[in-house]
Amino acid sequence: MKKSSKIFLAFVVTMLLGSTMILAHEGEHEGMKMDSGMAMDSKETSGDISDIWKEIKGHEEHLGQVIETNQLDQVHEVAFIIRDLTKALYEKSKSISSVKEAKLKVSVDEVSKIADRLDQYGDARDKAKTEEWFTKLQETLGAIEKQFPQGTLAK
């Protein structure tokens, strides 16, 4: 077998194994519909904003436990679910004032950036930086909550 054929064969095997690993993770987080990019379709998110907020807070708590127990390889999954849920929350939050909606958009965009950092530091197994960015996530989620009238997100 020629050297170029061996390289091509190795490439094909690598691609097949990589796609199998991605597909193995598809949709395995608590019944959430996930694609191979670990993104959740916000159209698939059911419920009103209080239901979405409850999911966000549940995943925030879960992420804290994941970090605390050093399961840093799982950080990206939970962080990306939170990112996608905050986007869904924004999409369903058209009844707030335009000023608050603009602030909400900034915070939702910040959650996306934080999720990327959590993914980066979780994959690097850097617990200190992961905890630092988790704290920033909690602060940003607090800022999101403040954009809604009191009691709107609670059921």
Protein backbone atom coordinates (compact mmCIF):
# COMPACT_ATOMS: atom_id res chain seq x y z
CA MET A 1 0.00 0.00 0.00
CA LYS A 2 1.36 3.41 -0.94
CA LYS A 3 2.14 5.95 1.74
CA SER A 4 -0.52 8.36 0.42
CA SER A 5 -3.15 5.59 0.57
CA LYS A 6 -2.22 4.82 4.17
CA ILE A 7 -2.53 8.49 5.10
CA PHE A 8 -5.90 8.73 3.39
CA LEU A 9 -7.11 5.58 5.13
CA ALA A 10 -5.96 6.92 8.52
CA PHE A 11 -7.79 10.17 7.80
CA VAL A 12 -11.04 8.36 6.95
CA VAL A 13 -10.83 6.19 10.08
CA THR A 14 -10.17 9.27 12.22
CA MET A 15 -13.17 11.09 10.75
CA LEU A 16 -15.44 8.10 11.29
CA LEU A 17 -14.34 7.65 14.90
CA GLY A 18 -14.68 11.37 15.59
CA SER A 19 -18.19 11.55 14.19
CA THR A 20 -19.19 8.45 16.16
CA MET A 21 -18.03 10.08 19.39
CA ILE A 22 -20.00 13.24 18.61
CA LEU A 23 -23.12 11.26 17.80
CA ALA A 24 -22.75 9.31 21.03
CA HIS A 25 -23.29 12.56 22.92
CA GLU A 26 -26.20 13.69 20.77
CA GLY A 27 -29.29 14.28 22.85
CA GLU A 28 -28.11 12.52 25.98
CA HIS A 29 -28.57 15.38 28.46
CA GLU A 30 -31.86 15.03 30.35
CA GLY A 31 -34.00 14.59 27.26
CA MET A 32 -32.90 17.84 25.68
CA LYS A 33 -32.69 17.78 21.89
CA MET A 34 -29.06 18.40 21.06
CA ASP A 35 -27.19 18.54 17.80
CA SER A 36 -23.59 17.56 17.28
CA GLY A 37 -22.52 21.16 18.00
CA MET A 38 -24.02 20.83 21.48
CA ALA A 39 -26.64 23.47 20.67
CA MET A 40 -30.27 23.25 21.57
CA ASP A 41 -32.94 24.50 19.18
CA SER A 42 -34.76 27.22 21.11
CA LYS A 43 -37.92 26.42 19.13
CA GLU A 44 -37.87 23.05 20.89
CA THR A 45 -38.01 24.80 24.28
CA SER A 46 -41.51 24.50 25.60
CA GLY A 47 -43.13 26.54 28.28
CA ASP A 48 -43.23 30.16 29.20
CA ILE A 49 -40.41 32.31 30.50
CA SER A 50 -40.87 31.09 34.08
CA ASP A 51 -40.48 27.48 32.88
CA ILE A 52 -37.35 28.36 30.94
CA TRP A 53 -35.93 30.26 33.91
CA LYS A 54 -36.55 27.25 36.14
CA GLU A 55 -34.59 25.10 33.67
CA ILE A 56 -31.76 27.65 33.59
CA LYS A 57 -31.52 27.69 37.38
CA GLY A 58 -31.57 23.89 37.52
CA HIS A 59 -28.73 23.66 35.02
CA GLU A 60 -26.83 26.39 36.86
CA GLU A 61 -27.01 24.28 40.01
CA HIS A 62 -25.97 21.17 38.07
CA LEU A 63 -23.00 23.04 36.57
CA GLY A 64 -21.88 24.04 40.04
CA GLN A 65 -21.96 20.39 41.09
CA VAL A 66 -20.08 19.31 37.96
CA ILE A 67 -17.32 21.80 38.71
CA GLU A 68 -17.24 21.00 42.42
CA THR A 69 -16.83 17.28 41.73
CA ASN A 70 -14.07 17.87 39.13
CA GLN A 71 -16.11 16.51 36.21
CA LEU A 72 -14.66 19.27 34.06
CA ASP A 73 -15.08 17.27 30.86
CA GLN A 74 -18.86 17.76 31.29
CA VAL A 75 -18.75 21.53 31.78
CA HIS A 76 -19.28 22.39 28.12
CA GLU A 77 -22.50 20.37 27.84
CA VAL A 78 -24.20 22.13 30.73
CA ALA A 79 -22.79 25.56 29.85
CA PHE A 80 -24.08 25.31 26.28
CA ILE A 81 -27.52 24.24 27.48
CA ILE A 82 -27.63 27.32 29.73
CA ARG A 83 -26.49 29.46 26.77
CA ASP A 84 -29.26 28.11 24.57
CA LEU A 85 -31.91 28.43 27.27
CA THR A 86 -31.00 32.09 27.85
CA LYS A 87 -31.42 32.67 24.11
CA ALA A 88 -34.84 31.01 24.27
CA LEU A 89 -35.71 33.15 27.28
CA TYR A 90 -34.80 36.28 25.32
CA GLU A 91 -36.87 35.18 22.32
CA LYS A 92 -39.93 34.71 24.53
CA SER A 93 -39.43 37.94 26.51
CA LYS A 94 -40.94 40.49 24.19
CA SER A 95 -43.31 41.88 26.81
CA ILE A 96 -40.60 43.74 28.77
CA SER A 97 -39.71 47.35 28.06
CA SER A 98 -37.37 48.11 25.17
CA VAL A 99 -34.70 49.39 27.58
CA LYS A 100 -34.81 46.19 29.61
CA GLU A 101 -34.94 44.12 26.43
CA ALA A 102 -31.72 45.77 25.23
CA LYS A 103 -30.04 45.04 28.59
CA LEU A 104 -31.32 41.49 28.44
CA LYS A 105 -29.81 41.04 24.96
CA VAL A 106 -26.41 42.23 26.21
CA SER A 107 -26.57 39.76 29.11
CA VAL A 108 -27.66 36.89 26.85
CA ASP A 109 -24.74 37.63 24.53
CA GLU A 110 -22.45 37.66 27.57
CA VAL A 111 -23.73 34.21 28.60
CA SER A 112 -22.66 32.93 25.17
CA LYS A 113 -19.14 34.28 25.68
CA ILE A 114 -18.98 32.85 29.19
CA ALA A 115 -20.14 29.43 27.95
CA ASP A 116 -17.27 29.45 25.46
CA ARG A 117 -14.79 30.26 28.26
CA LEU A 118 -16.28 27.56 30.50
CA ASP A 119 -15.85 25.10 27.64
CA GLN A 120 -12.26 26.21 27.09
CA TYR A 121 -11.19 25.98 30.73
CA GLY A 122 -13.21 22.85 31.45
CA ASP A 123 -11.56 21.06 28.53
CA ALA A 124 -8.18 22.28 29.78
CA ARG A 125 -9.07 20.90 33.23
CA ASP A 126 -8.29 24.29 34.75
CA LYS A 127 -10.59 24.20 37.76
CA ALA A 128 -9.63 27.64 39.08
CA LYS A 129 -10.44 29.39 35.79
CA THR A 130 -13.59 27.28 35.36
CA GLU A 131 -14.77 28.37 38.82
CA GLU A 132 -13.92 31.99 37.98
CA TRP A 133 -16.03 31.89 34.82
CA PHE A 134 -18.82 30.06 36.62
CA THR A 135 -18.98 32.97 39.08
CA LYS A 136 -19.24 35.35 36.10
CA LEU A 137 -22.05 33.20 34.72
CA GLN A 138 -23.92 33.41 38.03
CA GLU A 139 -23.51 37.20 38.08
CA THR A 140 -24.77 37.49 34.50
CA LEU A 141 -27.76 35.28 35.25
CA GLY A 142 -28.49 37.59 38.18
CA ALA A 143 -28.40 40.55 35.78
CA ILE A 144 -30.83 38.72 33.48
CA GLU A 145 -33.22 38.08 36.34
CA LYS A 146 -33.24 41.81 37.21
CA GLN A 147 -34.63 42.69 33.77
CA PHE A 148 -37.97 41.09 34.59
CA PRO A 149 -40.63 42.43 36.94
CA GLN A 150 -40.45 40.76 40.33
CA GLY A 151 -42.30 37.45 40.39
CA THR A 152 -42.38 37.08 36.59
CA LEU A 153 -39.80 34.29 36.55
CA ALA A 154 -41.15 32.48 39.60
CA LYS A 155 -44.13 30.17 39.53
